[in-house]
Structures are given as structure tokens and as C-alpha cells.
Amino acid sequence: MTKDTFILGAIAGILGNIPKTIVAWIFFYFGFIKYTFIHIAAGYFVPAEFLDSPVSLLSGFLADYTVAAFLGIIIYLILQRSGLDFAEYKGLGIGALLYVVIYGPFMSLDITRASLLTPLPNLLLFFPHIIYGISTCWIIKKYYKSMEHKKI
């Protein structure tokens, strides 16, 4: 692997996005939420009536994972500056911040056509953000621990 900031951050962000996506789809299949993050991302590009089409979901998937990769780079830079101590707790805070700073404004400004009209889905989607932050930071920390082990 590499210590390149962009590559490692992007890979960690993409891998950290996998459990976030799984949790959101579980909520979706149980009927707790109407739209996953992939639907929400697709809603930036297509009208609401096309959100469930396979092509729309593919564009939503690409958009969601592109944003996750970009945020992974930012998270990596934060951990570089602050250190890896308590990385998972930092990830919890970062995930909460992403929920408030990115998800909240984008949903309240109706930038996406995927609308969550009740409070429960908005609350439930807080938890995948937390999972994303924790898992991304954990992956970065785990990678560095493995690199230190190889040097010895």
C-alpha cells in the first residue's frame, strides 16, 4: 500500500462507506427510511420519480462513494495533524459533524429530490454517519499500525 495522503484517505473513505451503506439499506428494507444515501445522492441528478431506477441508483452510488473518498482524504489529514490516539472517538465526532454540516443543510435546502419528510428517518441516518466516521478512522489507524509492525 502507500502512505500517499490522497490514495490512503480515499481508500479509507470508500471502505468506511461500506458499513454506512449497509446500515442505511437495512433501515430501508425494514421500512424505517424511504431513501438510502444512494437514493439521496441520485436525487441530485434525477427527478424523484426516477430515484429507484437502476441507472439512477448507479449514479447515486458513484456520487456517494466519490464524496466518501473525498471526505476520507479530509479525515486522513485531520488524523495526520491530531495523531492516531483515540482515532475511533475522533471518527465519532467527525461523523456527527458530517451529519450536521453536510447532511443537514443539503436536506433542508432541498438540493436533492429525495425528501425525508418525517423526523425518524433524519434521526436514523445520524447513525450511519457515525459508523462512517468511526470505521474510516479505524481503517486509517489499523493501516498505520500494520506499517509500524512491518518496520520492526
Protein backbone atom coordinates (compact mmCIF):
# COMPACT_ATOMS: atom_id res chain seq x y z
CA MET A 1 0.00 0.00 0.00
CA THR A 2 1.09 3.61 0.10
CA LYS A 3 1.43 6.47 2.52
CA ASP A 4 0.15 8.89 -0.10
CA THR A 5 -2.41 11.14 1.56
CA PHE A 6 -4.90 11.14 -1.27
CA ILE A 7 -4.77 7.43 -2.05
CA LEU A 8 -4.88 6.23 1.55
CA GLY A 9 -7.56 8.76 2.54
CA ALA A 10 -9.71 7.92 -0.48
CA ILE A 11 -9.42 4.17 0.08
CA ALA A 12 -10.21 4.54 3.79
CA GLY A 13 -13.21 6.73 2.94
CA ILE A 14 -14.52 4.23 0.41
CA LEU A 15 -14.04 1.28 2.77
CA GLY A 16 -15.57 3.24 5.65
CA ASN A 17 -18.57 3.98 3.46
CA ILE A 18 -19.39 0.29 3.03
CA PRO A 19 -20.75 -0.28 6.56
CA LYS A 20 -22.57 3.06 6.35
CA THR A 21 -24.26 1.91 3.16
CA ILE A 22 -25.16 -1.48 4.65
CA VAL A 23 -26.79 0.08 7.71
CA ALA A 24 -28.77 2.52 5.55
CA TRP A 25 -30.03 -0.32 3.33
CA ILE A 26 -31.05 -2.32 6.40
CA PHE A 27 -33.10 0.68 7.56
CA PHE A 28 -34.55 0.92 4.04
CA TYR A 29 -35.53 -2.74 3.80
CA PHE A 30 -37.21 -2.64 7.22
CA GLY A 31 -39.18 0.41 6.06
CA PHE A 32 -37.71 2.84 8.59
CA ILE A 33 -36.47 5.17 5.85
CA LYS A 34 -37.75 5.84 2.34
CA TYR A 35 -34.37 6.66 0.80
CA THR A 36 -30.80 5.49 1.34
CA PHE A 37 -27.76 7.69 0.81
CA ILE A 38 -27.53 6.29 -2.71
CA HIS A 39 -31.10 7.47 -3.40
CA ILE A 40 -30.33 10.85 -1.84
CA ALA A 41 -27.20 11.24 -3.98
CA ALA A 42 -29.13 10.17 -7.09
CA GLY A 43 -31.68 12.86 -6.24
CA TYR A 44 -29.07 15.50 -7.05
CA PHE A 45 -29.20 14.37 -10.68
CA VAL A 46 -32.66 12.99 -11.46
CA PRO A 47 -36.29 13.83 -10.63
CA ALA A 48 -37.94 11.98 -7.73
CA GLU A 49 -39.93 9.63 -9.96
CA PHE A 50 -36.67 8.13 -11.31
CA LEU A 51 -34.89 7.60 -7.97
CA ASP A 52 -35.47 3.84 -7.95
CA SER A 53 -34.27 3.18 -11.49
CA PRO A 54 -31.04 1.15 -11.77
CA VAL A 55 -29.26 3.88 -13.75
CA SER A 56 -30.19 6.50 -11.14
CA LEU A 57 -29.03 4.23 -8.34
CA LEU A 58 -25.74 3.69 -10.17
CA SER A 59 -25.18 7.44 -10.49
CA GLY A 60 -26.15 7.83 -6.82
CA PHE A 61 -23.72 5.08 -5.83
CA LEU A 62 -20.89 6.75 -7.77
CA ALA A 63 -21.69 10.14 -6.26
CA ASP A 64 -21.99 8.80 -2.71
CA TYR A 65 -18.71 6.90 -2.89
CA THR A 66 -16.93 9.82 -4.57
CA VAL A 67 -17.95 12.08 -1.69
CA ALA A 68 -16.92 9.36 0.78
CA ALA A 69 -13.48 9.16 -0.84
CA PHE A 70 -13.06 12.94 -0.70
CA LEU A 71 -14.14 13.04 2.94
CA GLY A 72 -11.74 10.18 3.65
CA ILE A 73 -8.89 12.40 2.43
CA ILE A 74 -10.02 15.18 4.77
CA ILE A 75 -10.31 12.73 7.69
CA TYR A 76 -6.83 11.41 6.96
CA LEU A 77 -5.45 14.96 7.01
CA ILE A 78 -7.19 15.59 10.34
CA LEU A 79 -5.67 12.43 11.83
CA GLN A 80 -2.24 13.35 10.47
CA ARG A 81 -2.42 16.67 12.34
CA SER A 82 -4.05 15.42 15.53
CA GLY A 83 -2.47 11.97 15.81
CA LEU A 84 -3.96 8.50 15.91
CA ASP A 85 -4.68 8.46 19.65
CA PHE A 86 -8.39 7.87 20.21
CA ALA A 87 -8.91 7.71 16.42
CA GLU A 88 -12.28 5.98 16.75
CA TYR A 89 -13.58 8.68 19.12
CA LYS A 90 -12.37 11.31 16.71
CA GLY A 91 -14.23 9.42 13.99
CA LEU A 92 -17.39 9.51 16.08
CA GLY A 93 -17.08 13.28 16.34
CA ILE A 94 -16.27 13.65 12.66
CA GLY A 95 -19.29 11.51 11.72
CA ALA A 96 -21.55 13.63 13.91
CA LEU A 97 -20.11 16.78 12.37
CA LEU A 98 -20.69 15.45 8.85
CA TYR A 99 -24.31 14.78 9.76
CA VAL A 100 -24.79 18.36 10.96
CA VAL A 101 -22.64 20.20 8.41
CA ILE A 102 -23.27 18.24 5.21
CA TYR A 103 -26.39 16.09 5.53
CA GLY A 104 -28.48 18.63 7.45
CA PRO A 105 -28.05 21.62 5.12
CA PHE A 106 -28.31 19.56 1.95
CA MET A 107 -31.59 18.03 3.08
CA SER A 108 -33.05 21.26 4.47
CA LEU A 109 -32.15 23.27 1.35
CA ASP A 110 -33.91 20.71 -0.88
CA ILE A 111 -30.83 20.28 -3.05
CA THR A 112 -31.79 16.64 -3.57
CA ARG A 113 -35.14 15.46 -4.82
CA ALA A 114 -35.14 12.62 -2.26
CA SER A 115 -37.15 14.14 0.55
CA LEU A 116 -37.36 12.69 4.07
CA LEU A 117 -40.47 14.33 5.42
CA THR A 118 -40.60 12.89 8.94
CA PRO A 119 -38.17 13.21 11.87
CA LEU A 120 -37.49 9.47 12.32
CA PRO A 121 -35.58 8.92 9.04
CA ASN A 122 -33.49 12.01 9.68
CA LEU A 123 -32.64 10.75 13.16
CA LEU A 124 -31.90 7.23 11.97
CA LEU A 125 -29.50 8.49 9.29
CA PHE A 126 -27.39 10.01 12.06
CA PHE A 127 -26.11 6.53 12.94
CA PRO A 128 -24.66 5.62 9.52
CA HIS A 129 -22.74 8.92 9.63
CA ILE A 130 -21.27 7.91 12.97
CA ILE A 131 -20.40 4.48 11.58
CA TYR A 132 -18.71 6.09 8.58
CA GLY A 133 -16.55 8.33 10.76
CA ILE A 134 -15.56 5.58 13.19
CA SER A 135 -14.82 2.98 10.51
CA THR A 136 -12.84 5.38 8.33
CA CYS A 137 -10.67 6.45 11.27
CA TRP A 138 -10.30 2.83 12.40
CA ILE A 139 -9.11 1.80 8.91
CA ILE A 140 -6.53 4.60 8.83
CA LYS A 141 -5.31 3.72 12.33
CA LYS A 142 -5.19 -0.02 11.51
CA TYR A 143 -3.18 0.66 8.36
CA TYR A 144 -0.61 2.70 10.27
CA LYS A 145 -0.33 0.06 12.99
CA SER A 146 0.36 -2.57 10.33
CA MET A 147 3.01 -0.33 8.73
CA GLU A 148 4.76 0.12 12.07
CA HIS A 149 4.75 -3.65 12.59
CA LYS A 150 6.40 -4.22 9.20
CA LYS A 151 9.22 -1.80 10.03
CA ILE A 152 10.27 -3.76 13.12
